[in-house]
Structure formats: C-alpha cells, structure tokens
Amino acid sequence: MAERDLIAEARDRRQPLHDAADALELAAAGPVGAGSIWQDRIRKELTNVTAALADHIEKTEGPDGLYRELITLAPRISNDIRLLTADHAVIKGMIDEIEIAFDAEDVETSLVREHITQLLGRITRHRQKGADLVYEAYQVDIGGQS
C-alpha cells in the first residue's frame, strides 16, 4: 500500500473510536438523577465503544493491519507496537469493569463514572501513542483532529 494511502487510512481508522469515546463522555456527564435513562445511555454508548474498539483492533492488529505495515516499514518501533497491542487488552478489561459495576444489584453511579473517566483517559492516551508511532514511522502528523 502506498505511504499516503496508509496515512489516510490511519487518520480514518482513528475517528470511530474517538467519536464513540466522545459520545460515552457526553452520556456519563448527563444527570444521574434520570436513573435508568442515564444507565441506558451509558450502556448504549459503552456498546458503541466496544464495537469501535473491536474494529480498531482488527484494523491495527489484523493480518492487513496498520501494525504489520509499520513493523515492515520501521522495525525499530516493534516494541512500541507490542505495547499498543497490550493496551488493547487493558482497555477491554476496563470496559469489562464498567459492565461488572452495572451488573451490581445497586449500581453505584459514582463508581461507574469514575471507571468511565479512567477508560476515556486510557483511550485518549492510546490514541496519542498511536499517532506518535505513525509519526515516528512516517514523519507525518496524522493529527488530533476530531
């Protein structure tokens, strides 16, 4: 794949996870007093984050994924790619923690919000590290645009 095509794809594949995380953040910031409405919104947006993450993992770790291309282009960053790959499992685990908190008989909304805040921070840092990695491989800024 041409370098420019890969860079455009890298930019495009960042957007769904970013959008899903933004929507989860907005839902979490909503009024908890709405009770089940708040919980339903969180569950919906968490499902969207889970789907976006699965898509992101496929597009980065998959057989035709970005990481394989990057390792071929710049073998020196293979350890950084290993760390990003491991980060995917951590993010999945954080999502699982939120789902477990939701499955409790008495949902502690403050705990759910805290878990969501931690998850969003982790996703943001993951995206930043990914952008840094692409920059290091190509010396091209794929941007932090929304």
C-alpha atoms as a PDB file:
ATOM      1  CA  MET A   1       0.000   0.000   0.000  1.00  0.00           C
ATOM      2  CA  ALA A   2       1.285   3.463  -0.833  1.00  0.00           C
ATOM      3  CA  GLU A   3       2.530   5.523   2.091  1.00  0.00           C
ATOM      4  CA  ARG A   4      -0.050   8.273   1.542  1.00  0.00           C
ATOM      5  CA  ASP A   5      -2.897   5.730   1.376  1.00  0.00           C
ATOM      6  CA  LEU A   6      -1.758   4.149   4.630  1.00  0.00           C
ATOM      7  CA  ILE A   7      -1.577   7.540   6.331  1.00  0.00           C
ATOM      8  CA  ALA A   8      -5.077   8.458   5.123  1.00  0.00           C
ATOM      9  CA  GLU A   9      -6.340   5.105   6.381  1.00  0.00           C
ATOM     10  CA  ALA A  10      -4.653   5.677   9.742  1.00  0.00           C
ATOM     11  CA  ARG A  11      -6.442   9.008  10.048  1.00  0.00           C
ATOM     12  CA  ASP A  12      -9.774   7.472   9.064  1.00  0.00           C
ATOM     13  CA  ARG A  13      -9.499   4.499  11.394  1.00  0.00           C
ATOM     14  CA  ARG A  14      -8.934   6.793  14.386  1.00  0.00           C
ATOM     15  CA  GLN A  15     -12.267   8.559  14.023  1.00  0.00           C
ATOM     16  CA  PRO A  16     -14.829   5.890  15.048  1.00  0.00           C
ATOM     17  CA  LEU A  17     -13.143   5.177  18.390  1.00  0.00           C
ATOM     18  CA  HIS A  18     -12.782   8.906  19.018  1.00  0.00           C
ATOM     19  CA  ASP A  19     -16.454   9.524  18.217  1.00  0.00           C
ATOM     20  CA  ALA A  20     -17.631   6.613  20.374  1.00  0.00           C
ATOM     21  CA  ALA A  21     -15.497   7.792  23.306  1.00  0.00           C
ATOM     22  CA  ASP A  22     -16.859  11.334  22.937  1.00  0.00           C
ATOM     23  CA  ALA A  23     -20.437  10.047  22.976  1.00  0.00           C
ATOM     24  CA  LEU A  24     -19.715   7.968  26.099  1.00  0.00           C
ATOM     25  CA  GLU A  25     -18.231  11.014  27.798  1.00  0.00           C
ATOM     26  CA  LEU A  26     -21.331  13.063  26.998  1.00  0.00           C
ATOM     27  CA  ALA A  27     -23.604  10.320  28.313  1.00  0.00           C
ATOM     28  CA  ALA A  28     -21.579   9.979  31.518  1.00  0.00           C
ATOM     29  CA  ALA A  29     -21.749  13.740  32.058  1.00  0.00           C
ATOM     30  CA  GLY A  30     -25.542  13.622  31.910  1.00  0.00           C
ATOM     31  CA  PRO A  31     -27.696  13.851  35.019  1.00  0.00           C
ATOM     32  CA  VAL A  32     -27.644  10.665  37.081  1.00  0.00           C
ATOM     33  CA  GLY A  33     -30.987  11.661  38.558  1.00  0.00           C
ATOM     34  CA  ALA A  34     -32.525  10.393  35.355  1.00  0.00           C
ATOM     35  CA  GLY A  35     -31.947   6.891  36.783  1.00  0.00           C
ATOM     36  CA  SER A  36     -32.497   4.164  34.255  1.00  0.00           C
ATOM     37  CA  ILE A  37     -32.393   6.686  31.396  1.00  0.00           C
ATOM     38  CA  TRP A  38     -28.808   7.566  32.359  1.00  0.00           C
ATOM     39  CA  GLN A  39     -27.887   3.894  32.704  1.00  0.00           C
ATOM     40  CA  ASP A  40     -29.471   3.033  29.348  1.00  0.00           C
ATOM     41  CA  ARG A  41     -27.483   5.807  27.661  1.00  0.00           C
ATOM     42  CA  ILE A  42     -24.261   4.606  29.241  1.00  0.00           C
ATOM     43  CA  ARG A  43     -24.922   1.006  28.192  1.00  0.00           C
ATOM     44  CA  LYS A  44     -25.683   2.121  24.619  1.00  0.00           C
ATOM     45  CA  GLU A  45     -22.556   4.252  24.334  1.00  0.00           C
ATOM     46  CA  LEU A  46     -20.410   1.613  26.026  1.00  0.00           C
ATOM     47  CA  THR A  47     -21.650  -0.882  23.430  1.00  0.00           C
ATOM     48  CA  ASN A  48     -20.601   1.586  20.731  1.00  0.00           C
ATOM     49  CA  VAL A  49     -17.149   1.989  22.304  1.00  0.00           C
ATOM     50  CA  THR A  50     -16.798  -1.799  22.461  1.00  0.00           C
ATOM     51  CA  ALA A  51     -17.701  -2.123  18.772  1.00  0.00           C
ATOM     52  CA  ALA A  52     -15.386   0.741  17.767  1.00  0.00           C
ATOM     53  CA  LEU A  53     -12.557  -0.804  19.781  1.00  0.00           C
ATOM     54  CA  ALA A  54     -13.095  -4.205  18.137  1.00  0.00           C
ATOM     55  CA  ASP A  55     -12.978  -2.531  14.725  1.00  0.00           C
ATOM     56  CA  HIS A  56      -9.863  -0.583  15.736  1.00  0.00           C
ATOM     57  CA  ILE A  57      -8.154  -3.781  16.893  1.00  0.00           C
ATOM     58  CA  GLU A  58      -8.998  -5.562  13.645  1.00  0.00           C
ATOM     59  CA  LYS A  59      -7.667  -2.667  11.577  1.00  0.00           C
ATOM     60  CA  THR A  60      -4.460  -2.377  13.578  1.00  0.00           C
ATOM     61  CA  GLU A  61      -3.645  -5.952  14.643  1.00  0.00           C
ATOM     62  CA  GLY A  62      -5.350  -7.842  11.811  1.00  0.00           C
ATOM     63  CA  PRO A  63      -3.459  -9.592   9.012  1.00  0.00           C
ATOM     64  CA  ASP A  64      -3.667  -6.493   6.806  1.00  0.00           C
ATOM     65  CA  GLY A  65      -3.498  -4.119   9.739  1.00  0.00           C
ATOM     66  CA  LEU A  66      -1.541  -0.969  10.339  1.00  0.00           C
ATOM     67  CA  TYR A  67       0.864  -2.538  12.822  1.00  0.00           C
ATOM     68  CA  ARG A  68       2.122  -5.095  10.298  1.00  0.00           C
ATOM     69  CA  GLU A  69       2.773  -2.291   7.803  1.00  0.00           C
ATOM     70  CA  LEU A  70       4.544  -0.197  10.420  1.00  0.00           C
ATOM     71  CA  ILE A  71       6.800  -3.055  11.523  1.00  0.00           C
ATOM     72  CA  THR A  72       7.720  -3.702   7.893  1.00  0.00           C
ATOM     73  CA  LEU A  73       8.471  -0.021   7.346  1.00  0.00           C
ATOM     74  CA  ALA A  74      10.175   0.695  10.667  1.00  0.00           C
ATOM     75  CA  PRO A  75      11.219  -2.447  12.591  1.00  0.00           C
ATOM     76  CA  ARG A  76      12.697  -0.229  15.318  1.00  0.00           C
ATOM     77  CA  ILE A  77       9.172   0.532  16.583  1.00  0.00           C
ATOM     78  CA  SER A  78       8.130  -3.106  17.045  1.00  0.00           C
ATOM     79  CA  ASN A  79       8.359  -2.839  20.852  1.00  0.00           C
ATOM     80  CA  ASP A  80       6.116   0.236  20.814  1.00  0.00           C
ATOM     81  CA  ILE A  81       3.628  -1.700  18.707  1.00  0.00           C
ATOM     82  CA  ARG A  82       3.740  -4.550  21.210  1.00  0.00           C
ATOM     83  CA  LEU A  83       2.878  -2.055  23.957  1.00  0.00           C
ATOM     84  CA  LEU A  84      -0.038  -0.640  21.951  1.00  0.00           C
ATOM     85  CA  THR A  85      -1.307  -4.155  21.310  1.00  0.00           C
ATOM     86  CA  ALA A  86      -1.138  -4.927  25.037  1.00  0.00           C
ATOM     87  CA  ASP A  87      -3.016  -1.694  25.688  1.00  0.00           C
ATOM     88  CA  HIS A  88      -5.974  -3.086  23.731  1.00  0.00           C
ATOM     89  CA  ALA A  89      -6.382  -5.838  26.334  1.00  0.00           C
ATOM     90  CA  VAL A  90      -6.192  -3.285  29.145  1.00  0.00           C
ATOM     91  CA  ILE A  91      -8.900  -1.153  27.527  1.00  0.00           C
ATOM     92  CA  LYS A  92     -11.109  -4.232  27.061  1.00  0.00           C
ATOM     93  CA  GLY A  93     -10.603  -5.050  30.738  1.00  0.00           C
ATOM     94  CA  MET A  94     -11.634  -1.540  31.726  1.00  0.00           C
ATOM     95  CA  ILE A  95     -14.831  -1.908  29.696  1.00  0.00           C
ATOM     96  CA  ASP A  96     -15.478  -5.212  31.475  1.00  0.00           C
ATOM     97  CA  GLU A  97     -15.081  -3.442  34.843  1.00  0.00           C
ATOM     98  CA  ILE A  98     -17.746  -0.926  33.884  1.00  0.00           C
ATOM     99  CA  GLU A  99     -20.093  -3.701  32.802  1.00  0.00           C
ATOM    100  CA  ILE A 100     -19.499  -5.529  36.100  1.00  0.00           C
ATOM    101  CA  ALA A 101     -20.255  -2.331  38.017  1.00  0.00           C
ATOM    102  CA  PHE A 102     -23.502  -2.059  36.051  1.00  0.00           C
ATOM    103  CA  ASP A 103     -24.441  -5.641  36.861  1.00  0.00           C
ATOM    104  CA  ALA A 104     -24.329  -4.966  40.599  1.00  0.00           C
ATOM    105  CA  GLU A 105     -27.688  -5.037  42.334  1.00  0.00           C
ATOM    106  CA  ASP A 106     -27.312  -1.426  43.430  1.00  0.00           C
ATOM    107  CA  VAL A 107     -25.432   0.419  40.712  1.00  0.00           C
ATOM    108  CA  GLU A 108     -23.015   2.922  42.222  1.00  0.00           C
ATOM    109  CA  THR A 109     -23.161   5.676  39.642  1.00  0.00           C
ATOM    110  CA  SER A 110     -20.143   7.476  41.095  1.00  0.00           C
ATOM    111  CA  LEU A 111     -18.088   4.293  40.669  1.00  0.00           C
ATOM    112  CA  VAL A 112     -19.354   3.816  37.112  1.00  0.00           C
ATOM    113  CA  ARG A 113     -18.482   7.422  36.287  1.00  0.00           C
ATOM    114  CA  GLU A 114     -15.002   7.011  37.758  1.00  0.00           C
ATOM    115  CA  HIS A 115     -14.420   3.862  35.696  1.00  0.00           C
ATOM    116  CA  ILE A 116     -15.660   5.684  32.588  1.00  0.00           C
ATOM    117  CA  THR A 117     -13.340   8.627  33.260  1.00  0.00           C
ATOM    118  CA  GLN A 118     -10.397   6.243  33.607  1.00  0.00           C
ATOM    119  CA  LEU A 119     -11.409   4.410  30.422  1.00  0.00           C
ATOM    120  CA  LEU A 120     -11.684   7.643  28.447  1.00  0.00           C
ATOM    121  CA  GLY A 121      -8.273   8.769  29.664  1.00  0.00           C
ATOM    122  CA  ARG A 122      -6.764   5.445  28.639  1.00  0.00           C
ATOM    123  CA  ILE A 123      -8.350   5.624  25.186  1.00  0.00           C
ATOM    124  CA  THR A 124      -7.053   9.180  24.745  1.00  0.00           C
ATOM    125  CA  ARG A 125      -3.520   8.187  25.736  1.00  0.00           C
ATOM    126  CA  HIS A 126      -3.725   5.140  23.448  1.00  0.00           C
ATOM    127  CA  ARG A 127      -4.716   7.327  20.512  1.00  0.00           C
ATOM    128  CA  GLN A 128      -1.886   9.751  21.317  1.00  0.00           C
ATOM    129  CA  LYS A 129       0.659   6.928  21.420  1.00  0.00           C
ATOM    130  CA  GLY A 130      -0.673   5.589  18.124  1.00  0.00           C
ATOM    131  CA  ALA A 131      -0.340   8.991  16.484  1.00  0.00           C
ATOM    132  CA  ASP A 132       3.211   9.300  17.833  1.00  0.00           C
ATOM    133  CA  LEU A 133       4.053   5.878  16.433  1.00  0.00           C
ATOM    134  CA  VAL A 134       2.774   6.698  12.953  1.00  0.00           C
ATOM    135  CA  TYR A 135       4.691   9.964  13.101  1.00  0.00           C
ATOM    136  CA  GLU A 136       7.863   8.146  14.085  1.00  0.00           C
ATOM    137  CA  ALA A 137       7.450   5.660  11.237  1.00  0.00           C
ATOM    138  CA  TYR A 138       6.485   8.174   8.548  1.00  0.00           C
ATOM    139  CA  GLN A 139       7.423  11.548  10.000  1.00  0.00           C
ATOM    140  CA  VAL A 140       3.832  12.581   9.242  1.00  0.00           C
ATOM    141  CA  ASP A 141       1.359  14.066  11.710  1.00  0.00           C
ATOM    142  CA  ILE A 142      -1.976  12.232  11.467  1.00  0.00           C
ATOM    143  CA  GLY A 143      -3.418  14.848  13.763  1.00  0.00           C
ATOM    144  CA  GLY A 144      -5.528  15.072  16.828  1.00  0.00           C
ATOM    145  CA  GLN A 145      -8.454  16.452  14.903  1.00  0.00           C
ATOM    146  CA  SER A 146     -11.886  15.329  15.897  1.00  0.00           C
END
